Amino acid sequence: TEQVAFCTGHLVPGIHHSDDPLLQGRNFSYLDTQLSRLGKNWQELPVNRPVCPVMNHNRDGQLHHTITKGTVNYWPNRYGAAPPADPSEGKHVYVDYPAKVEGIKARLRSKKFQDHYSQAQLFYNSLSEPEKMHIAAALSFELDHCDDPLVIEPMCQRLTDIDIGLAQQVADLVGGTIPQKANLSNEGKKTKNVSQTEVQPKEPTIESRRVAIIIADGYDAVAYNGILGALKGAKALPYTIGPRRNPIYAAGEDRAPEKASSRTTTLKACEVPCGADPIATLRKNGRALHWVREAYAHLKAIGATGEAVDFIRDACQLEGMEFSTSSDVVDSYGVVTASKVQPESFKETLAMAKGAKDFIDAYTYEISQHKNFERKLKGFPMMVAY
């Protein structure tokens, strides 16, 4: 009897609950206890199972005893199978006793329960254009894994109830019929602080941001330490990334800093210091090239100085991007470069600002912006294989 579960909510026809507050509280508490103690299928345990077979829409999960053979176990479904019982169609359907309170107690739902789309519309309308593009790409990615038109077509049609433009983008990408008409109107209502672009700090900061510094043997210790000191001074979390987990040595040194191994998806930005030898090594390393391309496609800030500028340019190979060829700092869609910058000029006290003339100030400002969404608007990420 350890698995026995008594539930006051289980009634036979002819017996009903009063509106006694204590009883109503126990009705909730007993069911809640069974769910937490035995799981959602507690009614299928032999000691609790009704003599009369009872079907529900639960499928699988802990302690599931019923072997469900049907194709669908939810309502509504494409086949119209197993609809819920309608109280008006037979006397064997359980109906709540219509006790008088301040009116007639009945199992009804407010009209708000029929509003499935206004919140989705409000959310979508409040996003910036790059974020809307990201939503469309994410929906397309998930739906593209399905080849059943009986899934693709209804989903694309359902998206029209949110936004006709969104539905058309997704349908075009997944090969569905492009809808021409929306079932519901979108009034264009928006709300604040939904888009990431609206919740930036008042003052630029890179505190707690994880930033990669990509190096190889023979790296410039002065440039490396300058970047490292600047990032730590701004309370960022620098991670040194290299082509191997063993120690990596600077030019003329026999020791290396602590080095971690990670993917760009776990970091906010990356920087490649100058140095002819390490850049030559990184050019021959496919993982290093992929690292830069992946960071670029994910709209993350990228910094490069000296020989690393050409490495970044060749890794992405994009027309329309600008790169520094002198000591002047060039910020092109979040890729900050300075071809002839002096590593000794890197300072720990930063003045982060858009259009800053100092390399480290311009680069850390781009990190503070989280992502460079202008890069996405230009379509650059779609041009990079990563």
Protein backbone atom coordinates (compact mmCIF):
# COMPACT_ATOMS: atom_id res chain seq x y z
CA THR A 1 0.00 0.00 0.00
CA GLU A 2 3.01 2.33 -0.16
CA GLN A 3 1.84 3.51 -3.58
CA VAL A 4 -1.80 3.98 -2.69
CA ALA A 5 -3.05 7.49 -3.44
CA PHE A 6 -6.38 8.76 -2.20
CA CYS A 7 -7.74 11.70 -4.15
CA THR A 8 -10.83 13.59 -3.03
CA GLY A 9 -11.31 14.84 -6.57
CA HIS A 10 -12.36 11.37 -7.79
CA LEU A 11 -16.15 11.20 -7.66
CA VAL A 12 -18.85 8.95 -9.08
CA PRO A 13 -21.98 10.39 -10.73
CA GLY A 14 -24.44 11.67 -8.17
CA ILE A 15 -21.85 12.94 -5.68
CA HIS A 16 -20.58 16.51 -5.87
CA HIS A 17 -18.45 18.90 -3.87
CA SER A 18 -19.81 21.75 -1.83
CA ASP A 19 -18.12 25.15 -1.90
CA ASP A 20 -16.61 24.59 1.54
CA PRO A 21 -13.18 26.34 1.45
CA LEU A 22 -11.42 23.61 3.45
CA LEU A 23 -12.74 20.89 1.15
CA GLN A 24 -11.77 22.83 -1.96
CA GLY A 25 -8.29 23.31 -0.53
CA ARG A 26 -7.95 19.58 0.12
CA ASN A 27 -9.12 18.82 -3.43
CA PHE A 28 -6.14 20.76 -4.72
CA SER A 29 -3.69 19.54 -2.08
CA TYR A 30 -4.37 15.82 -2.53
CA LEU A 31 -3.83 15.90 -6.30
CA ASP A 32 -0.75 18.09 -5.94
CA THR A 33 0.69 15.63 -3.43
CA GLN A 34 0.13 12.62 -5.69
CA LEU A 35 1.85 14.39 -8.60
CA SER A 36 4.92 15.25 -6.54
CA ARG A 37 5.06 11.88 -4.71
CA LEU A 38 4.31 9.42 -7.51
CA GLY A 39 4.36 11.41 -10.77
CA LYS A 40 1.68 12.25 -13.31
CA ASN A 41 0.83 8.58 -13.98
CA TRP A 42 0.02 7.75 -10.36
CA GLN A 43 -3.49 6.69 -11.38
CA GLU A 44 -2.03 3.84 -13.48
CA LEU A 45 -0.37 2.08 -10.55
CA PRO A 46 -2.24 -1.21 -9.90
CA VAL A 47 -3.34 -0.17 -6.41
CA ASN A 48 -4.84 3.06 -7.77
CA ARG A 49 -6.10 1.91 -11.18
CA PRO A 50 -9.90 2.12 -11.67
CA VAL A 51 -11.77 -1.10 -12.44
CA CYS A 52 -13.33 0.65 -15.42
CA PRO A 53 -10.67 1.50 -18.06
CA VAL A 54 -10.04 5.23 -18.22
CA MET A 55 -8.19 6.97 -21.05
CA ASN A 56 -6.42 10.30 -20.92
CA HIS A 57 -3.99 12.30 -23.04
CA ASN A 58 -0.91 11.41 -20.98
CA ARG A 59 1.78 9.56 -22.89
CA ASP A 60 4.96 7.91 -21.59
CA GLY A 61 6.70 9.34 -18.53
CA GLN A 62 7.40 7.87 -15.11
CA LEU A 63 5.36 4.78 -14.11
CA HIS A 64 3.40 4.71 -17.38
CA HIS A 65 1.72 1.30 -17.66
CA THR A 66 -0.67 1.82 -20.58
CA ILE A 67 0.68 0.87 -24.01
CA THR A 68 -0.56 3.70 -26.23
CA LYS A 69 -0.90 2.51 -29.82
CA GLY A 70 -2.51 5.55 -31.41
CA THR A 71 -0.73 8.11 -33.61
CA VAL A 72 -1.88 11.12 -31.61
CA ASN A 73 -2.48 11.61 -27.91
CA TYR A 74 -3.59 15.23 -27.82
CA TRP A 75 -6.57 17.37 -28.73
CA PRO A 76 -7.21 19.02 -31.12
CA ASN A 77 -5.44 16.83 -33.68
CA ARG A 78 -5.36 16.47 -37.45
CA TYR A 79 -7.57 13.36 -37.45
CA GLY A 80 -10.27 14.70 -35.15
CA ALA A 81 -9.73 11.57 -33.06
CA ALA A 82 -10.60 11.16 -29.37
CA PRO A 83 -12.39 14.46 -28.79
CA PRO A 84 -13.25 15.38 -25.19
CA ALA A 85 -16.71 14.30 -24.06
CA ASP A 86 -19.45 16.89 -24.47
CA PRO A 87 -21.80 17.10 -21.42
CA SER A 88 -24.75 17.86 -23.71
CA GLU A 89 -24.40 14.60 -25.64
CA GLY A 90 -25.06 11.98 -22.97
CA LYS A 91 -26.00 11.24 -19.39
CA HIS A 92 -22.78 9.35 -18.64
CA VAL A 93 -20.65 12.48 -18.81
CA TYR A 94 -19.72 14.04 -15.48
CA VAL A 95 -21.38 17.43 -14.95
CA ASP A 96 -20.71 19.74 -12.02
CA TYR A 97 -23.65 20.26 -9.72
CA PRO A 98 -25.03 23.76 -10.48
CA ALA A 99 -24.91 25.03 -6.91
CA LYS A 100 -26.14 28.55 -6.28
CA VAL A 101 -23.55 30.99 -5.04
CA GLU A 102 -23.84 34.45 -6.57
CA GLY A 103 -24.88 32.88 -9.80
CA ILE A 104 -24.65 29.47 -11.37
CA LYS A 105 -21.40 27.62 -10.84
CA ALA A 106 -20.36 26.00 -14.09
CA ARG A 107 -17.14 24.85 -15.70
CA LEU A 108 -16.63 27.77 -18.08
CA ARG A 109 -13.68 29.72 -19.40
CA SER A 110 -13.30 33.44 -19.80
CA LYS A 111 -13.09 34.85 -23.32
CA LYS A 112 -9.45 35.60 -22.57
CA PHE A 113 -8.78 31.87 -22.80
CA GLN A 114 -9.61 32.11 -26.51
CA ASP A 115 -6.99 34.80 -27.06
CA HIS A 116 -3.96 32.77 -28.11
CA TYR A 117 -2.12 35.34 -30.19
CA SER A 118 -2.21 38.88 -28.77
CA GLN A 119 0.78 38.29 -26.47
CA ALA A 120 2.76 36.66 -29.29
CA GLN A 121 1.93 39.63 -31.53
CA LEU A 122 2.96 42.10 -28.83
CA PHE A 123 6.27 40.28 -28.31
CA TYR A 124 7.07 40.06 -32.03
CA ASN A 125 6.09 43.66 -32.76
CA SER A 126 8.36 44.89 -29.94
CA LEU A 127 11.51 43.26 -31.32
CA SER A 128 14.11 45.06 -33.39
CA GLU A 129 14.51 44.10 -37.05
CA PRO A 130 17.58 41.87 -36.49
CA GLU A 131 15.77 40.06 -33.68
CA LYS A 132 12.79 39.45 -35.96
CA MET A 133 15.17 37.98 -38.52
CA HIS A 134 16.60 35.74 -35.80
CA ILE A 135 13.11 34.53 -34.83
CA ALA A 136 12.32 33.66 -38.45
CA ALA A 137 15.61 31.79 -38.83
CA ALA A 138 15.05 29.86 -35.60
CA LEU A 139 11.51 28.83 -36.55
CA SER A 140 12.69 27.79 -40.01
CA PHE A 141 15.56 25.77 -38.57
CA GLU A 142 13.23 23.76 -36.32
CA LEU A 143 10.46 23.29 -38.89
CA ASP A 144 12.96 22.32 -41.57
CA HIS A 145 13.59 19.07 -39.67
CA CYS A 146 10.06 17.93 -40.54
CA ASP A 147 9.10 16.62 -44.00
CA ASP A 148 5.39 16.17 -43.32
CA PRO A 149 3.31 18.83 -45.13
CA LEU A 150 0.52 18.15 -42.63
CA VAL A 151 2.79 19.76 -40.05
CA ILE A 152 4.46 22.44 -42.17
CA GLU A 153 1.32 23.93 -43.72
CA PRO A 154 -0.72 24.36 -40.49
CA MET A 155 2.31 25.79 -38.66
CA CYS A 156 2.93 28.37 -41.39
CA GLN A 157 -0.76 29.23 -41.37
CA ARG A 158 -0.71 29.59 -37.59
CA LEU A 159 2.19 32.05 -37.86
CA THR A 160 -0.03 34.31 -39.98
CA ASP A 161 -2.08 34.93 -36.84
CA ILE A 162 1.04 36.51 -35.34
CA ASP A 163 2.48 38.32 -38.35
CA ILE A 164 1.92 37.70 -42.06
CA GLY A 165 5.48 38.75 -42.91
CA LEU A 166 6.93 36.26 -40.42
CA ALA A 167 4.75 33.48 -41.82
CA GLN A 168 5.81 34.25 -45.38
CA GLN A 169 9.52 34.22 -44.47
CA VAL A 170 9.26 30.88 -42.69
CA ALA A 171 7.12 29.28 -45.42
CA ASP A 172 9.60 30.39 -48.07
CA LEU A 173 12.55 28.91 -46.16
CA VAL A 174 10.95 25.54 -45.34
CA GLY A 175 9.27 24.96 -48.70
CA GLY A 176 5.70 25.49 -47.60
CA THR A 177 2.89 27.27 -49.42
CA ILE A 178 3.45 30.99 -48.89
CA PRO A 179 0.31 32.37 -47.18
CA GLN A 180 -1.23 35.48 -48.67
CA LYS A 181 -3.79 36.31 -46.01
CA ALA A 182 -3.82 36.46 -42.22
CA ASN A 183 -6.71 35.08 -40.18
CA LEU A 184 -6.22 37.72 -37.47
CA SER A 185 -5.27 41.36 -37.79
CA ASN A 186 -2.06 42.64 -36.20
CA GLU A 187 -2.67 46.08 -34.72
CA GLY A 188 1.07 46.75 -34.40
CA LYS A 189 1.00 47.26 -30.63
CA LYS A 190 4.42 47.34 -28.96
CA THR A 191 5.81 47.39 -25.44
CA LYS A 192 9.13 48.51 -23.99
CA ASN A 193 12.09 46.50 -22.68
CA VAL A 194 11.36 43.39 -24.73
CA SER A 195 14.07 43.98 -27.32
CA GLN A 196 17.67 43.49 -26.20
CA THR A 197 18.51 46.79 -27.85
CA GLU A 198 16.40 48.62 -25.26
CA VAL A 199 17.98 47.17 -22.13
CA GLN A 200 21.59 48.28 -22.55
CA PRO A 201 23.32 49.76 -19.47
CA LYS A 202 23.36 53.56 -19.27
CA GLU A 203 27.16 53.51 -19.30
CA PRO A 204 29.12 51.04 -21.47
CA THR A 205 30.56 48.16 -19.45
CA ILE A 206 32.22 44.83 -20.15
CA GLU A 207 32.13 43.60 -16.57
CA SER A 208 31.73 39.80 -16.40
CA ARG A 209 31.93 39.47 -20.22
CA ARG A 210 33.98 36.45 -21.30
CA VAL A 211 36.52 37.50 -23.94
CA ALA A 212 38.84 35.16 -25.88
CA ILE A 213 42.43 36.07 -26.71
CA ILE A 214 43.62 33.80 -29.55
CA ILE A 215 47.36 33.09 -29.58
CA ALA A 216 49.94 30.60 -30.88
CA ASP A 217 53.63 29.95 -30.28
CA GLY A 218 55.75 33.06 -30.69
CA TYR A 219 52.97 35.47 -29.72
CA ASP A 220 53.87 39.04 -28.76
CA ALA A 221 53.93 39.05 -24.96
CA VAL A 222 53.67 42.84 -24.79
CA ALA A 223 50.54 42.90 -26.94
CA TYR A 224 49.05 39.93 -25.09
CA ASN A 225 49.69 41.39 -21.64
CA GLY A 226 48.39 44.78 -22.76
CA ILE A 227 45.07 43.31 -23.91
CA LEU A 228 44.90 41.07 -20.84
CA GLY A 229 45.49 43.97 -18.45
CA ALA A 230 42.92 46.18 -20.17
CA LEU A 231 40.24 43.49 -20.03
CA LYS A 232 40.93 42.63 -16.41
CA GLY A 233 41.01 46.32 -15.52
CA ALA A 234 37.47 46.61 -16.89
CA LYS A 235 36.43 43.50 -14.88
CA ALA A 236 35.98 41.35 -17.97
CA LEU A 237 36.89 37.65 -17.89
CA PRO A 238 39.64 36.97 -20.45
CA TYR A 239 40.18 33.42 -21.73
CA THR A 240 43.35 32.51 -23.61
CA ILE A 241 42.63 30.23 -26.57
CA GLY A 242 45.25 28.38 -28.60
CA PRO A 243 45.70 25.50 -31.06
CA ARG A 244 46.51 23.01 -28.28
CA ARG A 245 45.98 22.51 -24.56
CA ASN A 246 49.69 22.22 -23.78
CA PRO A 247 51.64 25.38 -22.86
CA ILE A 248 52.04 28.02 -25.57
CA TYR A 249 55.18 30.12 -25.47
CA ALA A 250 55.72 33.78 -26.25
CA ALA A 251 58.58 34.93 -28.45
CA GLY A 252 61.84 34.51 -26.51
CA GLU A 253 60.15 33.05 -23.42
CA ASP A 254 60.01 29.56 -21.95
CA ARG A 255 56.71 29.86 -20.12
CA ALA A 256 53.11 30.46 -21.08
CA PRO A 257 49.99 31.83 -19.42
CA GLU A 258 47.20 29.55 -18.30
CA LYS A 259 45.22 28.57 -21.39
CA ALA A 260 41.64 27.33 -21.71
CA SER A 261 39.89 25.51 -24.55
CA SER A 262 36.42 26.65 -25.50
CA ARG A 263 33.99 27.44 -28.33
CA THR A 264 32.84 30.89 -29.39
CA THR A 265 29.31 30.10 -28.25
CA THR A 266 30.44 30.32 -24.62
CA LEU A 267 32.25 33.65 -25.04
CA LYS A 268 31.20 37.20 -25.89
CA ALA A 269 34.08 38.39 -28.06
CA CYS A 270 37.54 37.52 -29.34
CA GLU A 271 40.81 39.38 -29.94
CA VAL A 272 43.86 38.32 -31.95
CA PRO A 273 47.10 40.11 -30.98
CA CYS A 274 49.86 40.91 -33.45
CA GLY A 275 52.82 38.66 -34.24
CA ALA A 276 54.07 37.19 -37.52
CA ASP A 277 54.89 33.70 -36.23
CA PRO A 278 51.63 33.03 -34.34
CA ILE A 279 49.54 34.37 -37.22
CA ALA A 280 51.37 32.08 -39.66
CA THR A 281 50.50 29.17 -37.36
CA LEU A 282 46.85 30.20 -37.01
CA ARG A 283 46.45 30.53 -40.79
CA LYS A 284 47.22 26.81 -41.11
CA ASN A 285 44.80 25.84 -38.34
CA GLY A 286 41.28 25.14 -39.56
CA ARG A 287 39.84 25.35 -36.05
CA ALA A 288 41.27 28.84 -35.61
CA LEU A 289 39.74 29.96 -38.92
CA HIS A 290 36.41 28.42 -37.94
CA TRP A 291 36.64 30.12 -34.55
CA VAL A 292 36.85 33.56 -36.15
CA ARG A 293 34.10 32.83 -38.69
CA GLU A 294 31.76 31.48 -36.03
CA ALA A 295 32.31 34.52 -33.81
CA TYR A 296 31.65 36.77 -36.80
CA ALA A 297 28.47 34.95 -37.81
CA HIS A 298 27.18 35.17 -34.23
CA LEU A 299 27.58 38.98 -34.35
CA LYS A 300 30.27 39.08 -31.67
CA ALA A 301 32.90 41.78 -31.33
CA ILE A 302 36.24 40.93 -32.95
CA GLY A 303 39.50 42.80 -32.43
CA ALA A 304 42.81 42.47 -34.29
CA THR A 305 46.11 44.32 -34.37
CA GLY A 306 49.20 44.12 -36.58
CA GLU A 307 49.51 40.97 -38.68
CA ALA A 308 46.25 39.67 -37.21
CA VAL A 309 44.27 42.21 -39.27
CA ASP A 310 45.00 40.35 -42.52
CA PHE A 311 44.25 37.05 -40.76
CA ILE A 312 40.77 38.25 -39.77
CA ARG A 313 40.12 39.69 -43.24
CA ASP A 314 41.18 36.48 -45.01
CA ALA A 315 39.23 34.28 -42.58
CA CYS A 316 35.93 36.00 -43.38
CA GLN A 317 36.61 37.07 -47.01
CA LEU A 318 33.72 39.50 -47.24
CA GLU A 319 33.21 42.39 -49.60
CA GLY A 320 31.92 45.50 -47.89
CA MET A 321 34.00 45.12 -44.74
CA GLU A 322 36.74 47.65 -44.00
CA PHE A 323 40.05 46.92 -42.28
CA SER A 324 42.82 49.15 -41.00
CA THR A 325 46.01 49.55 -43.05
CA SER A 326 47.68 52.07 -40.73
CA SER A 327 47.71 53.11 -37.09
CA ASP A 328 44.18 54.47 -37.49
CA VAL A 329 41.48 52.44 -35.79
CA VAL A 330 38.75 51.08 -38.08
CA ASP A 331 35.48 49.81 -36.63
CA SER A 332 33.54 47.99 -39.36
CA TYR A 333 30.35 46.35 -38.12
CA GLY A 334 31.89 45.38 -34.79
CA VAL A 335 35.24 44.23 -36.22
CA VAL A 336 37.81 46.63 -34.74
CA THR A 337 41.26 46.65 -36.36
CA ALA A 338 44.45 48.69 -36.08
CA SER A 339 47.24 47.54 -38.38
CA LYS A 340 50.14 49.50 -36.90
CA VAL A 341 49.09 50.09 -33.32
CA GLN A 342 51.77 50.06 -30.62
CA PRO A 343 51.00 47.39 -27.99
CA GLU A 344 52.60 49.64 -25.38
CA SER A 345 49.69 52.04 -25.86
CA PHE A 346 47.17 49.61 -24.38
CA LYS A 347 45.99 51.02 -21.07
CA GLU A 348 44.01 49.61 -18.18
CA THR A 349 41.89 52.75 -17.70
CA LEU A 350 39.35 52.70 -20.52
CA ALA A 351 37.18 55.37 -22.09
CA MET A 352 34.71 53.18 -23.98
CA ALA A 353 32.83 55.17 -26.60
CA LYS A 354 31.45 54.73 -30.10
CA GLY A 355 33.97 55.98 -32.66
CA ALA A 356 36.83 56.06 -30.14
CA LYS A 357 40.25 56.78 -31.68
CA ASP A 358 42.08 54.41 -29.33
CA PHE A 359 41.98 50.73 -30.33
CA ILE A 360 41.27 49.28 -26.90
CA ASP A 361 38.54 51.88 -26.21
CA ALA A 362 36.82 51.17 -29.54
CA TYR A 363 37.10 47.40 -29.13
CA THR A 364 35.79 47.26 -25.57
CA TYR A 365 32.89 49.52 -26.58
CA GLU A 366 31.84 46.95 -29.19
CA ILE A 367 32.02 44.23 -26.53
CA SER A 368 29.77 46.31 -24.28
CA GLN A 369 27.09 46.40 -27.00
CA HIS A 370 26.58 42.63 -26.62
CA LYS A 371 26.25 42.04 -30.37
CA ASN A 372 26.61 44.04 -33.57
CA PHE A 373 23.13 43.81 -35.07
CA GLU A 374 24.04 46.03 -38.04
CA ARG A 375 26.15 43.13 -39.27
CA LYS A 376 23.01 40.99 -39.46
CA LEU A 377 21.02 43.69 -41.26
CA LYS A 378 23.70 43.77 -43.96
CA GLY A 379 23.40 40.01 -44.39
CA PHE A 380 27.08 39.38 -43.69
CA PRO A 381 26.56 36.31 -41.43
CA MET A 382 24.79 34.52 -44.30
CA MET A 383 27.94 34.87 -46.41
CA VAL A 384 30.23 33.10 -43.95
CA ALA A 385 30.61 29.31 -43.85
CA TYR A 386 30.96 28.22 -40.23
